[in-house]
């Protein structure tokens, strides 16, 4: 029997509904980062224009690369690509370790990074279970023919 605590901490990936829930966790994490970088682009550019600081404008516009990467990972997870979820997981682990070393592992940002790692782990589980389920279904359909 699966308890409520286990469903929250380690959701099952036994059927399509559970798989879709775990995939959405990774999609949310990636799109959360994309939204943050998008706001950085918008407000950094506006602030740089108001203060006529070209360095601030350049820093805000260099955030476009981060925005594109995060949005691409989110889109790839939505489309259930294995490479997208693995890339998101690896980047979130690197971000967690880097942030933890730089600012300490009990910092608020490090804790948010840890939650993102948790979301990408479940997304990876869900996408791999989705592809395994489809492979089993295709094998059974071929045997039936």
N, C-alpha and C. Protein backbone atom coordinates (compact mmCIF):
# COMPACT_ATOMS: atom_id res chain seq x y z
N UNK A 1 0.84 -1.18 0.00
CA UNK A 1 0.00 0.00 0.00
C UNK A 1 0.88 1.24 0.00
N UNK A 2 0.54 2.19 -0.85
CA UNK A 2 1.31 3.42 -0.96
C UNK A 2 0.68 4.48 -0.07
N UNK A 3 1.48 5.00 0.85
CA UNK A 3 0.98 6.03 1.76
C UNK A 3 1.05 7.39 1.09
N UNK A 4 0.36 8.36 1.69
CA UNK A 4 0.36 9.72 1.15
C UNK A 4 1.77 10.30 1.13
N UNK A 5 2.53 10.05 2.20
CA UNK A 5 3.88 10.58 2.27
C UNK A 5 4.74 10.03 1.14
N UNK A 6 4.59 8.75 0.85
CA UNK A 6 5.37 8.15 -0.22
C UNK A 6 4.92 8.69 -1.58
N UNK A 7 3.65 8.97 -1.75
CA UNK A 7 3.19 9.53 -3.01
C UNK A 7 3.78 10.91 -3.26
N UNK A 8 3.96 11.69 -2.20
CA UNK A 8 4.52 13.03 -2.36
C UNK A 8 6.03 12.97 -2.54
N UNK A 9 6.71 12.18 -1.72
CA UNK A 9 8.18 12.13 -1.77
C UNK A 9 8.71 11.31 -2.94
N UNK A 10 8.04 10.23 -3.25
CA UNK A 10 8.48 9.35 -4.33
C UNK A 10 7.24 8.83 -5.06
N UNK A 11 6.65 9.67 -5.95
CA UNK A 11 5.41 9.26 -6.61
C UNK A 11 5.60 8.02 -7.49
N UNK A 12 4.59 7.17 -7.53
CA UNK A 12 4.70 5.98 -8.36
C UNK A 12 4.63 6.33 -9.85
N UNK A 13 5.20 5.48 -10.68
CA UNK A 13 5.14 5.66 -12.14
C UNK A 13 4.59 4.39 -12.77
N UNK A 14 3.48 3.91 -12.23
CA UNK A 14 2.94 2.63 -12.67
C UNK A 14 1.89 2.76 -13.77
N UNK A 15 1.23 3.90 -13.89
CA UNK A 15 0.24 4.06 -14.96
C UNK A 15 0.41 5.43 -15.61
N UNK A 16 -0.36 5.66 -16.66
CA UNK A 16 -0.20 6.89 -17.46
C UNK A 16 -0.46 8.15 -16.64
N UNK A 17 -1.42 8.13 -15.73
CA UNK A 17 -1.73 9.31 -14.94
C UNK A 17 -0.55 9.67 -14.03
N UNK A 18 0.04 8.68 -13.38
CA UNK A 18 1.19 8.92 -12.52
C UNK A 18 2.40 9.39 -13.33
N UNK A 19 2.59 8.81 -14.49
CA UNK A 19 3.70 9.21 -15.35
C UNK A 19 3.53 10.66 -15.78
N UNK A 20 2.33 11.04 -16.16
CA UNK A 20 2.09 12.41 -16.59
C UNK A 20 2.34 13.40 -15.45
N UNK A 21 1.97 13.01 -14.22
CA UNK A 21 2.22 13.87 -13.07
C UNK A 21 3.71 14.08 -12.85
N UNK A 22 4.49 13.02 -12.93
CA UNK A 22 5.93 13.16 -12.71
C UNK A 22 6.60 13.94 -13.84
N UNK A 23 6.10 13.79 -15.06
CA UNK A 23 6.66 14.56 -16.19
C UNK A 23 6.37 16.04 -15.99
N UNK A 24 5.20 16.37 -15.49
CA UNK A 24 4.85 17.77 -15.27
C UNK A 24 5.72 18.41 -14.19
N UNK A 25 6.22 17.62 -13.24
CA UNK A 25 7.13 18.18 -12.23
C UNK A 25 8.39 18.75 -12.90
N UNK A 26 9.00 18.00 -13.79
CA UNK A 26 10.18 18.48 -14.50
C UNK A 26 9.87 19.62 -15.44
N UNK A 27 8.72 19.55 -16.07
CA UNK A 27 8.31 20.62 -16.97
C UNK A 27 8.13 21.91 -16.18
N UNK A 28 7.51 21.83 -15.01
CA UNK A 28 7.33 23.00 -14.16
C UNK A 28 8.67 23.58 -13.72
N UNK A 29 9.61 22.70 -13.32
CA UNK A 29 10.91 23.17 -12.86
C UNK A 29 11.65 23.92 -13.97
N UNK A 30 11.64 23.37 -15.18
CA UNK A 30 12.34 24.02 -16.30
C UNK A 30 11.67 25.33 -16.68
N UNK A 31 10.35 25.34 -16.71
CA UNK A 31 9.65 26.57 -17.08
C UNK A 31 9.72 27.61 -15.97
N UNK A 32 9.91 27.19 -14.72
CA UNK A 32 10.14 28.12 -13.62
C UNK A 32 11.46 28.88 -13.87
N UNK A 33 12.50 28.13 -14.25
CA UNK A 33 13.78 28.77 -14.56
C UNK A 33 13.66 29.67 -15.78
N UNK A 34 12.95 29.22 -16.80
CA UNK A 34 12.78 30.04 -17.99
C UNK A 34 12.06 31.34 -17.65
N UNK A 35 11.05 31.26 -16.80
CA UNK A 35 10.34 32.47 -16.38
C UNK A 35 11.23 33.42 -15.61
N UNK A 36 12.06 32.87 -14.72
CA UNK A 36 12.98 33.72 -13.97
C UNK A 36 13.98 34.41 -14.89
N UNK A 37 14.53 33.68 -15.85
CA UNK A 37 15.47 34.30 -16.78
C UNK A 37 14.77 35.31 -17.67
N UNK A 38 13.53 35.03 -18.06
CA UNK A 38 12.78 35.99 -18.86
C UNK A 38 12.53 37.28 -18.11
N UNK A 39 12.20 37.18 -16.83
CA UNK A 39 12.03 38.39 -16.02
C UNK A 39 13.35 39.14 -15.86
N UNK A 40 14.44 38.40 -15.75
CA UNK A 40 15.76 39.03 -15.67
C UNK A 40 16.06 39.80 -16.95
N UNK A 41 15.71 39.23 -18.08
CA UNK A 41 15.92 39.93 -19.35
C UNK A 41 15.09 41.20 -19.40
N UNK A 42 13.82 41.08 -19.07
CA UNK A 42 12.90 42.21 -19.15
C UNK A 42 13.28 43.34 -18.20
N UNK A 43 13.36 43.02 -16.91
CA UNK A 43 13.61 44.07 -15.93
C UNK A 43 15.05 44.57 -15.97
N UNK A 44 16.00 43.69 -16.28
CA UNK A 44 17.39 44.13 -16.40
C UNK A 44 17.58 45.10 -17.56
N UNK A 45 16.92 44.82 -18.67
CA UNK A 45 17.00 45.72 -19.81
C UNK A 45 16.35 47.06 -19.50
N UNK A 46 15.18 47.02 -18.88
CA UNK A 46 14.49 48.27 -18.52
C UNK A 46 15.33 49.08 -17.54
N UNK A 47 15.88 48.41 -16.53
CA UNK A 47 16.71 49.10 -15.55
C UNK A 47 17.96 49.69 -16.21
N UNK A 48 18.57 48.92 -17.11
CA UNK A 48 19.76 49.41 -17.81
C UNK A 48 19.47 50.60 -18.69
N UNK A 49 18.29 50.62 -19.32
CA UNK A 49 17.91 51.76 -20.16
C UNK A 49 17.65 52.99 -19.30
N UNK A 50 16.97 52.80 -18.19
CA UNK A 50 16.66 53.94 -17.31
C UNK A 50 17.94 54.54 -16.73
N UNK A 51 18.86 53.70 -16.29
CA UNK A 51 20.09 54.20 -15.68
C UNK A 51 21.21 54.42 -16.70
N UNK A 52 20.94 54.11 -17.95
CA UNK A 52 21.92 54.18 -19.06
C UNK A 52 23.22 53.46 -18.71
N UNK A 53 23.07 52.29 -18.13
CA UNK A 53 24.22 51.46 -17.77
C UNK A 53 24.32 50.34 -18.79
N UNK A 54 25.32 50.41 -19.66
CA UNK A 54 25.44 49.42 -20.73
C UNK A 54 25.82 48.05 -20.19
N UNK A 55 26.54 48.01 -19.06
CA UNK A 55 26.91 46.71 -18.48
C UNK A 55 25.68 45.96 -18.00
N UNK A 56 24.72 46.66 -17.40
CA UNK A 56 23.49 46.03 -16.94
C UNK A 56 22.69 45.52 -18.12
N UNK A 57 22.61 46.28 -19.18
CA UNK A 57 21.89 45.85 -20.38
C UNK A 57 22.55 44.61 -20.97
N UNK A 58 23.89 44.61 -21.06
CA UNK A 58 24.59 43.46 -21.61
C UNK A 58 24.37 42.21 -20.75
N UNK A 59 24.42 42.37 -19.43
CA UNK A 59 24.18 41.24 -18.53
C UNK A 59 22.77 40.70 -18.69
N UNK A 60 21.80 41.60 -18.81
CA UNK A 60 20.40 41.17 -18.98
C UNK A 60 20.21 40.47 -20.32
N UNK A 61 20.83 40.98 -21.35
CA UNK A 61 20.67 40.35 -22.67
C UNK A 61 21.45 39.05 -22.78
N UNK A 62 22.51 38.91 -21.99
CA UNK A 62 23.22 37.63 -22.01
C UNK A 62 22.41 36.54 -21.32
N UNK A 63 21.38 36.92 -20.60
CA UNK A 63 20.48 35.95 -19.97
C UNK A 63 19.60 35.24 -21.01
N UNK A 64 19.61 35.73 -22.24
CA UNK A 64 18.81 35.10 -23.30
C UNK A 64 19.24 33.65 -23.50
N UNK A 65 20.54 33.39 -23.43
CA UNK A 65 21.02 32.01 -23.60
C UNK A 65 20.45 31.10 -22.52
N UNK A 66 20.45 31.56 -21.28
CA UNK A 66 19.88 30.77 -20.18
C UNK A 66 18.38 30.56 -20.37
N UNK A 67 17.71 31.59 -20.81
CA UNK A 67 16.27 31.49 -21.07
C UNK A 67 15.98 30.45 -22.15
N UNK A 68 16.74 30.50 -23.23
CA UNK A 68 16.51 29.57 -24.34
C UNK A 68 16.79 28.12 -23.90
N UNK A 69 17.86 27.93 -23.14
CA UNK A 69 18.18 26.58 -22.67
C UNK A 69 17.08 26.05 -21.75
N UNK A 70 16.63 26.87 -20.80
CA UNK A 70 15.60 26.42 -19.86
C UNK A 70 14.27 26.17 -20.58
N UNK A 71 13.91 27.04 -21.52
CA UNK A 71 12.66 26.85 -22.26
C UNK A 71 12.75 25.61 -23.15
N UNK A 72 13.91 25.36 -23.73
CA UNK A 72 14.09 24.17 -24.57
C UNK A 72 13.98 22.89 -23.74
N UNK A 73 14.55 22.92 -22.55
CA UNK A 73 14.45 21.75 -21.67
C UNK A 73 12.99 21.52 -21.28
N UNK A 74 12.29 22.59 -20.94
CA UNK A 74 10.87 22.47 -20.59
C UNK A 74 10.03 21.92 -21.74
N UNK A 75 10.30 22.41 -22.95
CA UNK A 75 9.57 21.92 -24.12
C UNK A 75 9.91 20.46 -24.40
N UNK A 76 11.19 20.11 -24.25
CA UNK A 76 11.61 18.73 -24.47
C UNK A 76 11.00 17.77 -23.46
N UNK A 77 10.89 18.21 -22.22
CA UNK A 77 10.24 17.37 -21.20
C UNK A 77 8.76 17.24 -21.51
N UNK A 78 8.14 18.32 -21.95
CA UNK A 78 6.72 18.26 -22.32
C UNK A 78 6.51 17.25 -23.46
N UNK A 79 7.46 17.20 -24.40
CA UNK A 79 7.37 16.25 -25.52
C UNK A 79 7.91 14.87 -25.16
N UNK A 80 8.37 14.72 -23.89
CA UNK A 80 8.86 13.45 -23.34
C UNK A 80 10.13 12.95 -24.03
N UNK A 81 11.08 13.86 -24.25
CA UNK A 81 12.39 13.48 -24.79
C UNK A 81 13.31 13.13 -23.63
N UNK A 82 13.98 11.98 -23.75
CA UNK A 82 14.89 11.55 -22.69
C UNK A 82 16.06 12.52 -22.52
N UNK A 83 16.59 13.02 -23.62
CA UNK A 83 17.75 13.90 -23.53
C UNK A 83 17.41 15.20 -22.80
N UNK A 84 16.20 15.69 -22.95
CA UNK A 84 15.82 16.94 -22.29
C UNK A 84 15.77 16.76 -20.78
N UNK A 85 15.20 15.68 -20.33
CA UNK A 85 15.09 15.48 -18.88
C UNK A 85 16.45 15.16 -18.26
N UNK A 86 17.30 14.44 -18.97
CA UNK A 86 18.64 14.17 -18.45
C UNK A 86 19.46 15.45 -18.41
N UNK A 87 19.35 16.28 -19.44
CA UNK A 87 20.05 17.57 -19.46
C UNK A 87 19.57 18.45 -18.31
N UNK A 88 18.26 18.51 -18.11
CA UNK A 88 17.73 19.30 -16.99
C UNK A 88 18.21 18.79 -15.66
N UNK A 89 18.25 17.47 -15.50
CA UNK A 89 18.73 16.88 -14.25
C UNK A 89 20.20 17.21 -14.02
N UNK A 90 21.02 17.05 -15.04
CA UNK A 90 22.45 17.33 -14.89
C UNK A 90 22.71 18.81 -14.60
N UNK A 91 22.02 19.69 -15.31
CA UNK A 91 22.20 21.13 -15.06
C UNK A 91 21.72 21.53 -13.68
N UNK A 92 20.64 20.93 -13.21
CA UNK A 92 20.15 21.28 -11.87
C UNK A 92 21.09 20.74 -10.79
N UNK A 93 21.68 19.58 -11.01
CA UNK A 93 22.67 19.05 -10.05
C UNK A 93 23.90 19.94 -10.01
N UNK A 94 24.38 20.34 -11.19
CA UNK A 94 25.54 21.24 -11.25
C UNK A 94 25.21 22.57 -10.57
N UNK A 95 24.01 23.09 -10.82
CA UNK A 95 23.60 24.34 -10.18
C UNK A 95 23.51 24.21 -8.67
N UNK A 96 23.00 23.08 -8.19
CA UNK A 96 22.89 22.85 -6.75
C UNK A 96 24.27 22.78 -6.10
N UNK A 97 25.17 22.02 -6.71
CA UNK A 97 26.51 21.88 -6.14
C UNK A 97 27.25 23.22 -6.19
N UNK A 98 27.18 23.90 -7.33
CA UNK A 98 27.86 25.18 -7.46
C UNK A 98 27.32 26.22 -6.49
N UNK A 99 26.02 26.27 -6.35
CA UNK A 99 25.41 27.22 -5.42
C UNK A 99 25.71 26.85 -3.98
N UNK A 100 25.72 25.55 -3.69
CA UNK A 100 26.03 25.11 -2.34
C UNK A 100 27.46 25.42 -1.95
N UNK A 101 28.39 25.24 -2.87
CA UNK A 101 29.79 25.54 -2.58
C UNK A 101 30.00 27.05 -2.44
N UNK A 102 29.34 27.82 -3.28
CA UNK A 102 29.54 29.28 -3.26
C UNK A 102 28.85 29.95 -2.08
N UNK A 103 27.61 29.54 -1.78
CA UNK A 103 26.83 30.26 -0.78
C UNK A 103 26.49 29.43 0.45
N UNK A 104 26.77 28.15 0.40
CA UNK A 104 26.42 27.27 1.52
C UNK A 104 25.18 26.45 1.18
N UNK A 105 25.15 25.23 1.69
CA UNK A 105 24.06 24.33 1.33
C UNK A 105 22.77 24.61 2.09
N UNK A 106 22.81 25.47 3.10
CA UNK A 106 21.58 25.82 3.81
C UNK A 106 21.01 27.16 3.34
N UNK A 107 21.56 27.70 2.29
CA UNK A 107 21.06 28.93 1.71
C UNK A 107 19.70 28.67 1.05
N UNK A 108 18.85 29.68 1.00
CA UNK A 108 17.52 29.54 0.40
C UNK A 108 17.62 29.12 -1.06
N UNK A 109 18.54 29.69 -1.79
CA UNK A 109 18.69 29.35 -3.21
C UNK A 109 19.14 27.90 -3.37
N UNK A 110 20.00 27.43 -2.49
CA UNK A 110 20.43 26.03 -2.56
C UNK A 110 19.28 25.08 -2.28
N UNK A 111 18.41 25.46 -1.36
CA UNK A 111 17.24 24.63 -1.06
C UNK A 111 16.29 24.59 -2.26
N UNK A 112 16.11 25.72 -2.93
CA UNK A 112 15.29 25.76 -4.14
C UNK A 112 15.92 24.89 -5.22
N UNK A 113 17.24 24.94 -5.36
CA UNK A 113 17.93 24.09 -6.32
C UNK A 113 17.75 22.61 -5.99
N UNK A 114 17.76 22.28 -4.70
CA UNK A 114 17.54 20.89 -4.29
C UNK A 114 16.14 20.42 -4.65
N UNK A 115 15.15 21.29 -4.48
CA UNK A 115 13.77 20.95 -4.88
C UNK A 115 13.71 20.75 -6.39
N UNK A 116 14.43 21.57 -7.15
CA UNK A 116 14.45 21.39 -8.60
C UNK A 116 15.11 20.07 -9.00
N UNK A 117 16.19 19.70 -8.31
CA UNK A 117 16.81 18.40 -8.56
C UNK A 117 15.81 17.29 -8.31
N UNK A 118 15.06 17.41 -7.20
CA UNK A 118 14.03 16.42 -6.87
C UNK A 118 12.98 16.33 -7.99
N UNK A 119 12.56 17.48 -8.51
CA UNK A 119 11.56 17.49 -9.59
C UNK A 119 12.12 16.85 -10.86
N UNK A 120 13.37 17.15 -11.20
CA UNK A 120 13.95 16.56 -12.40
C UNK A 120 14.19 15.07 -12.25
N UNK A 121 14.49 14.60 -11.04
CA UNK A 121 14.65 13.16 -10.82
C UNK A 121 13.32 12.45 -11.12
N UNK A 122 12.23 13.01 -10.64
CA UNK A 122 10.93 12.38 -10.89
C UNK A 122 10.53 12.50 -12.35
N UNK A 123 10.88 13.58 -12.98
CA UNK A 123 10.60 13.73 -14.40
C UNK A 123 11.36 12.68 -15.21
N UNK A 124 12.61 12.46 -14.83
CA UNK A 124 13.42 11.44 -15.51
C UNK A 124 12.80 10.05 -15.30
N UNK A 125 12.39 9.76 -14.08
CA UNK A 125 11.72 8.48 -13.81
C UNK A 125 10.47 8.34 -14.67
N UNK A 126 9.67 9.40 -14.74
CA UNK A 126 8.42 9.34 -15.49
C UNK A 126 8.63 9.16 -16.98
N UNK A 127 9.59 9.87 -17.54
CA UNK A 127 9.83 9.76 -18.98
C UNK A 127 10.40 8.39 -19.34
N UNK A 128 11.30 7.88 -18.53
CA UNK A 128 11.82 6.54 -18.81
C UNK A 128 10.73 5.48 -18.65
N UNK A 129 9.85 5.64 -17.67
CA UNK A 129 8.73 4.70 -17.52
C UNK A 129 7.77 4.81 -18.70
N UNK A 130 7.57 6.03 -19.19
CA UNK A 130 6.70 6.24 -20.35
C UNK A 130 7.24 5.51 -21.58
N UNK A 131 8.54 5.66 -21.82
CA UNK A 131 9.13 4.99 -22.99
C UNK A 131 9.16 3.48 -22.81
N UNK A 132 9.38 3.02 -21.59
CA UNK A 132 9.36 1.57 -21.34
C UNK A 132 7.96 1.01 -21.55
N UNK A 133 6.95 1.76 -21.09
CA UNK A 133 5.57 1.32 -21.26
C UNK A 133 5.20 1.28 -22.75
N UNK A 134 5.63 2.26 -23.51
CA UNK A 134 5.35 2.28 -24.95
C UNK A 134 6.07 1.15 -25.66
N UNK A 135 7.30 0.83 -25.24
CA UNK A 135 8.05 -0.25 -25.87
C UNK A 135 7.36 -1.59 -25.60
N UNK A 136 6.87 -1.78 -24.39
CA UNK A 136 6.15 -3.03 -24.07
C UNK A 136 4.85 -3.11 -24.86
N UNK A 137 4.14 -2.00 -25.00
CA UNK A 137 2.90 -1.98 -25.75
C UNK A 137 3.16 -2.30 -27.23
N UNK A 138 4.21 -1.71 -27.81
CA UNK A 138 4.53 -1.97 -29.21
C UNK A 138 4.94 -3.42 -29.41
N UNK A 139 5.68 -4.00 -28.47
CA UNK A 139 6.08 -5.39 -28.58
C UNK A 139 4.85 -6.31 -28.52
N UNK A 140 3.91 -6.00 -27.65
CA UNK A 140 2.69 -6.81 -27.56
C UNK A 140 1.85 -6.67 -28.82
N UNK A 141 1.82 -5.49 -29.43
CA UNK A 141 1.06 -5.30 -30.67
C UNK A 141 1.69 -6.07 -31.83
N UNK A 142 3.02 -6.12 -31.86
CA UNK A 142 3.70 -6.86 -32.92
C UNK A 142 3.45 -8.36 -32.76
N UNK A 143 3.47 -8.84 -31.52
CA UNK A 143 3.21 -10.26 -31.27
C UNK A 143 1.77 -10.62 -31.62
N UNK A 144 0.84 -9.68 -31.43
CA UNK A 144 -0.56 -9.95 -31.73
C UNK A 144 -0.82 -10.07 -33.23
N UNK A 145 -0.02 -9.41 -34.02
CA UNK A 145 -0.19 -9.44 -35.48
C UNK A 145 0.41 -10.70 -36.00
